[in-house]
Amino acid sequence: MSHSEQTSVNGHPEVNMQKLQDSMSAIGKKILVLSGKGGVGKSTVAVNIAAELSRKGYKVGLLDVDLHGPSIPRMVGLPGQKCFGADDKIIPLNASDNLKVMSVAFLVPDDTQAVIWRGPMKYSVIRQLLADTVWGNLDYLVIDAPPGTGDEPLGVAQLVGTDAGAVIVTTPQQVAVQDVRRCITFCHQVMLPVWGIVENMAGFVCPHCQKKVNLFSNTSGGAELAKQTGLELLGSLLFDPAIADGADAGLSIPECSVTNQTHQQMDQVIQNLISKIQDNQNKKGTETMKIAIPTANGQLCMHFGHCEQFAFVTIDSNNKTVTGTEMLTPPPHEPGVLPKWVAENGGNLVIAGGMGMRAQQLFNQNGVEVLVGASAETPENLATAYLNGTLETGQNVCDH
């Protein structure tokens, strides 16, 4: 990389937003692979989604925005490679005929160099990678973000524009599911559709007796999470040592010696993902949802169980507009009554000041998402802030 290019990455450049929009508009769909928990195999899933889509004939880009621990280059067979550019353009590397790859690892001069950047610098670099990388016309851009809900996933979610959605990766264990649930809430807060959940490491097939062995005491965490959140389980993947060996060698699932079952499971994930994206595309233009907000004296009531009325605010998530508000008086507050009542009245999301964990679980089981920690405001202002991705949430004021 030339000195001028290195300065471009490390010098906090200002990126032309029109250039960013033009770059993103040439891409069909953007798939953000996210997880609230590290060590669940998120990068492995991202690489194999990109590889499988490219093998099916789609033109695919794979962007690694894990700025502190980029692992994608090795996993696609490009370790130690560097990319070059000119005239404020970055040329991605080719992993195969239909797969282009970009990572910050291609831009730093030394693979052992630690990247020590604060939030604003991270945001600027991500913006530059999206705007200046010459992707060309792509059917899909798969983006591998680091775990959690910090600067990198937030920056990408705010910058990729329309036609974007998330694939959430978890393992069956409750520790992972709990963190991943926060990641789903993050997606709702930044208006990023979730296209489905992938459950990784869902057991292990013994090479000697061919019997399945469960790796975690909870064997269905992904399925339970999908049911509770109303999301689709795209598929479950067994733990296969050949996948890890293939990642070290830069080989995707079909290229390494995985079992036929592993290959079939990954193919099923891809088929379900493509179908989900196509279904969402067919529904585009008619995407509305209802936000249920407990109120008292015309503003958010800080505890949903003691409100006077619920405001059901209908929003158009495509046009980012509030289209109507209906005030309804809830039934007497008894355990389990309000979640069912909100769902029966078409509520998709509850914005509350405080709510106990058991109540949140009951809402999730009825297909209603919950955001807690909102401030006392009018229902319309809260719904508008949610649409614009500016809704601020603080501490849950209820700890029951």
Protein backbone atom coordinates (compact mmCIF):
# COMPACT_ATOMS: atom_id res chain seq x y z
CA MET A 1 0.00 0.00 0.00
CA SER A 2 1.37 3.40 -0.93
CA HIS A 3 1.97 6.17 1.59
CA SER A 4 -0.95 8.19 0.25
CA GLU A 5 -3.30 5.21 0.58
CA GLN A 6 -2.13 4.50 4.11
CA THR A 7 -2.79 8.12 5.03
CA SER A 8 -6.25 7.77 3.51
CA VAL A 9 -7.13 4.94 5.87
CA ASN A 10 -5.39 6.23 9.00
CA GLY A 11 -5.98 9.94 8.45
CA HIS A 12 -9.72 10.08 9.26
CA PRO A 13 -10.84 11.14 5.74
CA GLU A 14 -14.11 12.82 4.95
CA VAL A 15 -16.13 10.62 2.61
CA ASN A 16 -18.53 12.06 0.08
CA MET A 17 -21.96 10.78 1.14
CA GLN A 18 -23.22 10.81 -2.44
CA LYS A 19 -20.32 8.53 -3.33
CA LEU A 20 -21.36 6.21 -0.52
CA GLN A 21 -24.95 6.15 -1.71
CA ASP A 22 -23.88 5.47 -5.29
CA SER A 23 -21.69 2.59 -4.17
CA MET A 24 -24.43 1.01 -2.05
CA SER A 25 -27.10 1.50 -4.72
CA ALA A 26 -25.16 -0.80 -7.06
CA ILE A 27 -25.58 -3.65 -4.55
CA GLY A 28 -28.74 -5.71 -4.47
CA LYS A 29 -28.95 -6.93 -0.86
CA LYS A 30 -26.70 -6.35 2.12
CA ILE A 31 -26.55 -9.17 4.67
CA LEU A 32 -25.11 -8.18 8.06
CA VAL A 33 -23.97 -11.26 9.99
CA LEU A 34 -24.21 -10.35 13.66
CA SER A 35 -24.07 -11.90 17.10
CA GLY A 36 -24.19 -10.52 20.60
CA LYS A 37 -21.74 -13.19 21.70
CA GLY A 38 -18.17 -13.95 20.64
CA GLY A 39 -17.03 -17.48 19.88
CA VAL A 40 -20.27 -18.66 18.26
CA GLY A 41 -18.77 -19.10 14.78
CA LYS A 42 -20.17 -15.92 13.29
CA SER A 43 -17.28 -15.36 10.85
CA THR A 44 -17.47 -19.00 9.74
CA VAL A 45 -21.17 -18.56 8.97
CA ALA A 46 -20.51 -15.27 7.14
CA VAL A 47 -17.79 -16.81 4.96
CA ASN A 48 -19.91 -19.80 4.07
CA ILE A 49 -22.99 -17.71 3.27
CA ALA A 50 -20.88 -15.65 0.88
CA ALA A 51 -19.18 -18.71 -0.62
CA GLU A 52 -22.44 -20.61 -1.11
CA LEU A 53 -24.19 -17.64 -2.72
CA SER A 54 -21.24 -17.13 -5.10
CA ARG A 55 -21.26 -20.81 -6.00
CA LYS A 56 -24.91 -20.53 -6.95
CA GLY A 57 -23.92 -17.94 -9.57
CA TYR A 58 -24.62 -14.75 -7.64
CA LYS A 59 -22.08 -11.90 -7.65
CA VAL A 60 -21.07 -11.51 -4.03
CA GLY A 61 -18.90 -9.20 -1.94
CA LEU A 62 -17.62 -10.12 1.52
CA LEU A 63 -16.67 -7.23 3.80
CA ASP A 64 -14.83 -7.79 7.07
CA VAL A 65 -15.47 -4.90 9.48
CA ASP A 66 -13.96 -6.59 12.51
CA LEU A 67 -11.31 -3.89 12.73
CA HIS A 68 -9.49 -5.31 15.75
CA GLY A 69 -9.47 -9.00 14.85
CA PRO A 70 -10.00 -9.47 11.11
CA SER A 71 -10.08 -13.21 10.40
CA ILE A 72 -11.81 -13.27 7.02
CA PRO A 73 -8.62 -13.05 4.88
CA ARG A 74 -7.28 -16.37 6.18
CA MET A 75 -10.68 -18.04 6.00
CA VAL A 76 -11.00 -17.25 2.27
CA GLY A 77 -7.43 -18.21 1.41
CA LEU A 78 -5.96 -14.69 1.25
CA PRO A 79 -3.74 -14.42 4.36
CA GLY A 80 -1.04 -11.77 4.19
CA GLN A 81 -2.40 -10.30 0.95
CA LYS A 82 -2.57 -6.54 0.40
CA CYS A 83 -4.82 -4.55 -1.89
CA PHE A 84 -4.03 -1.31 -3.65
CA GLY A 85 -5.96 1.57 -5.04
CA ALA A 86 -5.71 4.91 -6.73
CA ASP A 87 -7.80 8.08 -7.03
CA ASP A 88 -9.48 7.38 -3.68
CA LYS A 89 -10.56 3.92 -4.82
CA ILE A 90 -9.89 0.62 -3.07
CA ILE A 91 -9.77 -2.52 -5.19
CA PRO A 92 -11.06 -5.63 -3.39
CA LEU A 93 -9.34 -8.98 -3.83
CA ASN A 94 -10.89 -11.91 -5.67
CA ALA A 95 -11.40 -15.09 -3.67
CA SER A 96 -13.13 -16.75 -6.64
CA ASP A 97 -14.80 -15.78 -9.91
CA ASN A 98 -17.96 -14.47 -8.20
CA LEU A 99 -16.59 -13.51 -4.79
CA LYS A 100 -14.79 -10.23 -3.96
CA VAL A 101 -13.33 -9.69 -0.49
CA MET A 102 -12.36 -6.58 1.45
CA SER A 103 -10.86 -6.34 4.94
CA VAL A 104 -8.94 -3.76 6.91
CA ALA A 105 -6.23 -6.46 7.12
CA PHE A 106 -5.55 -5.82 3.42
CA LEU A 107 -4.77 -2.17 4.19
CA VAL A 108 -2.50 -2.22 7.24
CA PRO A 109 1.20 -2.68 6.41
CA ASP A 110 1.86 -5.40 9.01
CA ASP A 111 -0.48 -8.25 9.96
CA THR A 112 0.88 -8.18 13.52
CA GLN A 113 0.06 -4.47 13.94
CA ALA A 114 -2.60 -3.71 16.54
CA VAL A 115 -5.40 -1.45 15.36
CA ILE A 116 -6.07 1.04 18.18
CA TRP A 117 -8.91 3.32 17.10
CA ARG A 118 -11.65 5.10 19.01
CA GLY A 119 -15.29 5.22 17.94
CA PRO A 120 -15.19 8.20 15.52
CA MET A 121 -12.18 6.76 13.71
CA LYS A 122 -13.87 3.36 13.39
CA TYR A 123 -16.97 4.99 11.92
CA SER A 124 -14.88 6.92 9.41
CA VAL A 125 -12.93 3.85 8.29
CA ILE A 126 -16.10 1.78 7.87
CA ARG A 127 -17.63 4.59 5.85
CA GLN A 128 -14.52 4.69 3.65
CA LEU A 129 -14.53 0.92 3.14
CA LEU A 130 -18.16 1.06 2.02
CA ALA A 131 -17.80 4.15 -0.17
CA ASP A 132 -14.35 3.72 -1.74
CA THR A 133 -14.24 -0.03 -2.34
CA VAL A 134 -14.92 -0.72 -6.03
CA TRP A 135 -17.47 -3.47 -5.58
CA GLY A 136 -19.19 -2.91 -8.89
CA ASN A 137 -22.64 -4.43 -9.36
CA LEU A 138 -23.26 -7.11 -6.73
CA ASP A 139 -26.24 -9.29 -5.99
CA TYR A 140 -25.22 -9.58 -2.34
CA LEU A 141 -22.79 -7.91 0.04
CA VAL A 142 -22.16 -10.07 3.12
CA ILE A 143 -20.76 -8.05 6.04
CA ASP A 144 -19.03 -9.78 8.95
CA ALA A 145 -19.20 -7.54 12.03
CA PRO A 146 -17.54 -8.15 15.39
CA PRO A 147 -19.70 -9.46 18.25
CA GLY A 148 -21.76 -7.09 20.33
CA THR A 149 -23.62 -3.89 19.53
CA GLY A 150 -20.74 -1.41 19.44
CA ASP A 151 -19.27 1.01 16.93
CA GLU A 152 -18.72 -1.37 14.03
CA PRO A 153 -22.20 -2.96 13.71
CA LEU A 154 -23.82 0.39 14.52
CA GLY A 155 -21.76 2.19 11.87
CA VAL A 156 -22.55 -0.40 9.21
CA ALA A 157 -26.27 -0.46 10.05
CA GLN A 158 -26.42 3.34 9.70
CA LEU A 159 -24.44 3.50 6.46
CA VAL A 160 -25.46 0.59 4.21
CA GLY A 161 -28.76 2.18 3.23
CA THR A 162 -31.82 0.26 2.10
CA ASP A 163 -32.22 -3.41 1.14
CA ALA A 164 -30.24 -4.53 4.19
CA GLY A 165 -31.02 -7.14 6.81
CA ALA A 166 -29.36 -9.17 9.53
CA VAL A 167 -28.59 -12.84 10.04
CA ILE A 168 -28.11 -13.54 13.74
CA VAL A 169 -25.76 -16.35 14.82
CA THR A 170 -26.04 -18.13 18.15
CA THR A 171 -25.19 -21.42 19.81
CA PRO A 172 -27.76 -23.39 21.82
CA GLN A 173 -26.34 -22.44 25.23
CA GLN A 174 -28.30 -19.96 27.33
CA VAL A 175 -25.32 -17.64 27.84
CA ALA A 176 -25.14 -17.10 24.08
CA VAL A 177 -28.92 -16.86 23.61
CA GLN A 178 -29.15 -14.16 26.28
CA ASP A 179 -26.53 -12.00 24.57
CA VAL A 180 -27.96 -12.65 21.11
CA ARG A 181 -31.37 -11.47 22.29
CA ARG A 182 -29.78 -8.06 22.96
CA CYS A 183 -28.42 -8.10 19.43
CA ILE A 184 -31.95 -8.62 18.10
CA THR A 185 -33.14 -5.65 20.18
CA PHE A 186 -30.27 -3.64 18.69
CA CYS A 187 -31.51 -4.48 15.18
CA HIS A 188 -35.00 -3.29 16.05
CA GLN A 189 -33.66 -0.06 17.50
CA VAL A 190 -31.68 0.80 14.35
CA MET A 191 -34.54 -0.32 12.05
CA LEU A 192 -32.53 -3.22 10.61
CA PRO A 193 -34.78 -6.15 9.61
CA VAL A 194 -33.71 -9.54 10.95
CA TRP A 195 -33.91 -12.14 8.20
CA GLY A 196 -33.37 -15.08 10.51
CA ILE A 197 -31.33 -16.94 13.10
CA VAL A 198 -28.62 -19.54 12.50
CA GLU A 199 -27.92 -21.94 15.35
CA ASN A 200 -24.30 -23.04 15.20
CA MET A 201 -22.59 -25.95 17.04
CA ALA A 202 -25.95 -27.69 17.47
CA GLY A 203 -24.36 -31.00 18.42
CA PHE A 204 -21.51 -33.19 17.23
CA VAL A 205 -21.59 -36.49 15.32
CA CYS A 206 -19.13 -38.97 16.80
CA PRO A 207 -16.83 -40.25 14.03
CA HIS A 208 -16.70 -43.68 15.68
CA CYS A 209 -20.30 -44.54 16.53
CA GLN A 210 -21.98 -41.95 14.25
CA LYS A 211 -24.27 -40.90 17.06
CA LYS A 212 -25.08 -37.25 17.74
CA VAL A 213 -23.61 -35.84 20.95
CA ASN A 214 -24.97 -32.60 22.40
CA LEU A 215 -22.29 -30.04 23.23
CA PHE A 216 -24.50 -27.96 25.55
CA SER A 217 -27.09 -28.87 28.17
CA ASN A 218 -29.62 -26.69 26.36
CA THR A 219 -30.12 -28.37 23.01
CA SER A 220 -32.62 -26.05 21.36
CA GLY A 221 -31.61 -22.50 22.27
CA GLY A 222 -31.77 -21.24 18.69
CA ALA A 223 -35.23 -22.69 18.07
CA GLU A 224 -36.52 -21.33 21.37
CA LEU A 225 -35.12 -17.88 20.61
CA ALA A 226 -36.73 -17.89 17.16
CA LYS A 227 -40.10 -18.85 18.64
CA GLN A 228 -39.92 -16.24 21.40
CA THR A 229 -38.94 -13.42 19.05
CA GLY A 230 -41.16 -14.41 16.12
CA LEU A 231 -38.14 -14.80 13.85
CA GLU A 232 -37.31 -17.61 11.47
CA LEU A 233 -34.75 -20.27 12.35
CA LEU A 234 -32.84 -20.49 9.06
CA GLY A 235 -31.15 -23.69 10.17
CA SER A 236 -28.98 -25.49 12.69
CA LEU A 237 -25.39 -26.47 11.96
CA LEU A 238 -23.55 -29.33 13.61
CA PHE A 239 -20.06 -28.84 14.98
CA ASP A 240 -17.76 -30.40 12.40
CA PRO A 241 -13.97 -30.31 13.00
CA ALA A 242 -13.44 -30.25 9.23
CA ILE A 243 -15.00 -26.76 9.14
CA ALA A 244 -12.34 -25.40 11.51
CA ASP A 245 -9.56 -27.13 9.56
CA GLY A 246 -11.01 -25.73 6.33
CA ALA A 247 -11.13 -22.20 7.75
CA ASP A 248 -7.43 -22.37 8.62
CA ALA A 249 -6.72 -23.58 5.08
CA GLY A 250 -8.97 -21.01 3.41
CA LEU A 251 -11.58 -23.57 2.35
CA SER A 252 -15.36 -23.22 2.65
CA ILE A 253 -17.72 -26.06 3.59
CA PRO A 254 -18.09 -27.69 0.13
CA GLU A 255 -14.31 -27.51 -0.40
CA CYS A 256 -13.25 -29.37 2.74
CA SER A 257 -13.97 -32.87 4.03
CA VAL A 258 -17.14 -32.13 5.98
CA THR A 259 -19.88 -34.71 6.29
CA ASN A 260 -22.74 -34.75 3.80
CA GLN A 261 -25.05 -33.76 6.66
CA THR A 262 -23.02 -30.60 7.35
CA HIS A 263 -23.08 -29.68 3.67
CA GLN A 264 -26.83 -30.24 3.47
CA GLN A 265 -27.45 -28.16 6.59
CA MET A 266 -25.49 -25.20 5.19
CA ASP A 267 -27.29 -25.47 1.88
CA GLN A 268 -30.61 -25.43 3.75
CA VAL A 269 -29.58 -22.24 5.55
CA ILE A 270 -28.85 -20.59 2.20
CA GLN A 271 -32.11 -21.72 0.62
CA ASN A 272 -34.13 -20.46 3.60
CA LEU A 273 -32.24 -17.16 3.60
CA ILE A 274 -32.83 -16.56 -0.11
CA SER A 275 -36.52 -17.39 0.30
CA LYS A 276 -36.83 -15.02 3.26
CA ILE A 277 -35.18 -12.17 1.37
CA GLN A 278 -37.39 -12.76 -1.65
CA ASP A 279 -40.52 -12.85 0.52
CA ASN A 280 -39.54 -9.53 2.10
CA GLN A 281 -38.92 -8.06 -1.34
CA ASN A 282 -42.40 -9.11 -2.49
CA LYS A 283 -43.91 -7.42 0.57
CA LYS A 284 -41.89 -4.24 0.15
CA GLY A 285 -43.99 -1.10 0.03
CA THR A 286 -46.61 -2.46 2.42
CA GLU A 287 -44.53 -2.94 5.55
CA THR A 288 -46.46 -1.49 8.47
CA MET A 289 -46.29 -2.27 12.14
CA LYS A 290 -48.00 -1.22 15.35
CA ILE A 291 -46.10 0.07 18.35
CA ALA A 292 -47.96 -0.31 21.64
CA ILE A 293 -47.07 2.38 24.17
CA PRO A 294 -48.55 2.48 27.72
CA THR A 295 -49.65 6.03 28.53
CA ALA A 296 -50.75 8.21 31.41
CA ASN A 297 -51.68 11.88 30.94
CA GLY A 298 -50.79 11.67 27.26
CA GLN A 299 -47.22 10.48 27.80
CA LEU A 300 -45.37 7.22 28.29
CA CYS A 301 -46.27 5.63 31.62
CA MET A 302 -43.08 4.44 33.25
CA HIS A 303 -44.61 1.10 34.25
CA PHE A 304 -46.78 -0.57 31.65
CA GLY A 305 -48.94 -2.36 34.23
CA HIS A 306 -50.21 0.90 35.74
CA CYS A 307 -51.12 2.82 32.60
CA GLU A 308 -54.45 4.44 31.80
CA GLN A 309 -54.48 3.52 28.11
CA PHE A 310 -52.29 2.01 25.43
CA ALA A 311 -51.50 4.07 22.35
CA PHE A 312 -51.27 1.78 19.29
CA VAL A 313 -49.20 3.82 16.86
CA THR A 314 -49.18 2.52 13.28
CA ILE A 315 -45.99 3.24 11.36
CA ASP A 316 -44.84 2.76 7.78
CA SER A 317 -41.30 1.46 8.19
CA ASN A 318 -40.45 1.96 4.51
CA ASN A 319 -41.47 5.61 4.32
CA LYS A 320 -40.56 6.21 7.99
CA THR A 321 -43.87 7.88 8.80
CA VAL A 322 -46.50 7.62 11.52
CA THR A 323 -49.81 6.83 9.81
CA GLY A 324 -52.19 6.73 12.76
CA THR A 325 -52.73 6.38 16.51
CA GLU A 326 -55.49 4.47 18.29
CA MET A 327 -56.04 4.76 22.06
CA LEU A 328 -57.29 1.57 23.73
CA THR A 329 -58.10 0.85 27.37
CA PRO A 330 -56.37 -2.34 28.53
CA PRO A 331 -58.04 -5.10 30.53
CA PRO A 332 -57.32 -5.36 34.28
CA HIS A 333 -53.65 -6.01 34.91
CA GLU A 334 -53.15 -9.68 35.70
CA PRO A 335 -50.16 -11.90 34.88
CA GLY A 336 -50.16 -12.91 31.21
CA VAL A 337 -53.21 -10.85 30.21
CA LEU A 338 -51.58 -7.77 28.66
CA PRO A 339 -49.13 -9.62 26.35
CA LYS A 340 -51.95 -11.60 24.78
CA TRP A 341 -54.18 -8.50 24.55
CA VAL A 342 -51.46 -6.43 22.84
CA ALA A 343 -50.83 -9.23 20.33
CA GLU A 344 -54.55 -9.64 19.61
CA ASN A 345 -54.76 -5.90 18.84
CA GLY A 346 -51.96 -6.16 16.29
CA GLY A 347 -49.06 -4.88 18.41
CA ASN A 348 -45.62 -5.84 17.08
CA LEU A 349 -43.51 -3.88 19.56
CA VAL A 350 -43.95 -2.42 23.04
CA ILE A 351 -41.96 0.64 24.07
CA ALA A 352 -41.92 0.90 27.85
CA GLY A 353 -40.15 2.75 30.61
CA GLY A 354 -39.86 -0.36 32.77
CA MET A 355 -40.91 -3.98 32.61
CA GLY A 356 -39.95 -7.09 34.57
CA MET A 357 -38.09 -9.92 32.87
CA ARG A 358 -40.99 -12.37 33.18
CA ALA A 359 -43.36 -9.92 31.50
CA GLN A 360 -40.82 -9.39 28.69
CA GLN A 361 -40.66 -13.14 28.17
CA LEU A 362 -44.45 -13.37 27.97
CA PHE A 363 -44.56 -10.61 25.35
CA ASN A 364 -41.85 -12.39 23.34
CA GLN A 365 -43.78 -15.65 23.52
CA ASN A 366 -46.77 -13.83 22.01
CA GLY A 367 -44.63 -12.54 19.14
CA VAL A 368 -44.28 -9.00 20.54
CA GLU A 369 -40.85 -7.38 20.90
CA VAL A 370 -40.09 -5.12 23.87
CA LEU A 371 -37.88 -2.05 24.28
CA VAL A 372 -37.45 -0.79 27.83
CA GLY A 373 -35.82 2.28 29.35
CA ALA A 374 -37.63 4.89 27.24
CA SER A 375 -38.29 8.37 28.65
CA ALA A 376 -41.65 10.01 29.28
CA GLU A 377 -42.69 11.41 25.88
CA THR A 378 -45.77 11.47 23.68
CA PRO A 379 -46.44 8.22 21.79
CA GLU A 380 -46.00 9.93 18.41
CA ASN A 381 -42.61 11.36 19.39
CA LEU A 382 -41.44 7.96 20.63
CA ALA A 383 -42.61 6.24 17.45
CA THR A 384 -40.92 8.88 15.27
CA ALA A 385 -37.67 8.50 17.19
CA TYR A 386 -37.87 4.73 16.75
CA LEU A 387 -38.39 5.15 13.00
CA ASN A 388 -35.43 7.51 12.71
CA GLY A 389 -33.16 5.31 14.80
CA THR A 390 -32.80 8.04 17.45
CA LEU A 391 -34.84 6.47 20.25
CA GLU A 392 -32.77 6.70 23.41
CA THR A 393 -33.22 4.01 26.03
CA GLY A 394 -31.71 4.00 29.49
CA GLN A 395 -32.10 1.89 32.57
CA ASN A 396 -35.06 -0.44 32.95
CA VAL A 397 -36.99 1.25 35.76
CA CYS A 398 -38.63 -2.04 36.77
CA ASP A 399 -36.55 -4.86 38.26
CA HIS A 400 -39.31 -7.33 39.16
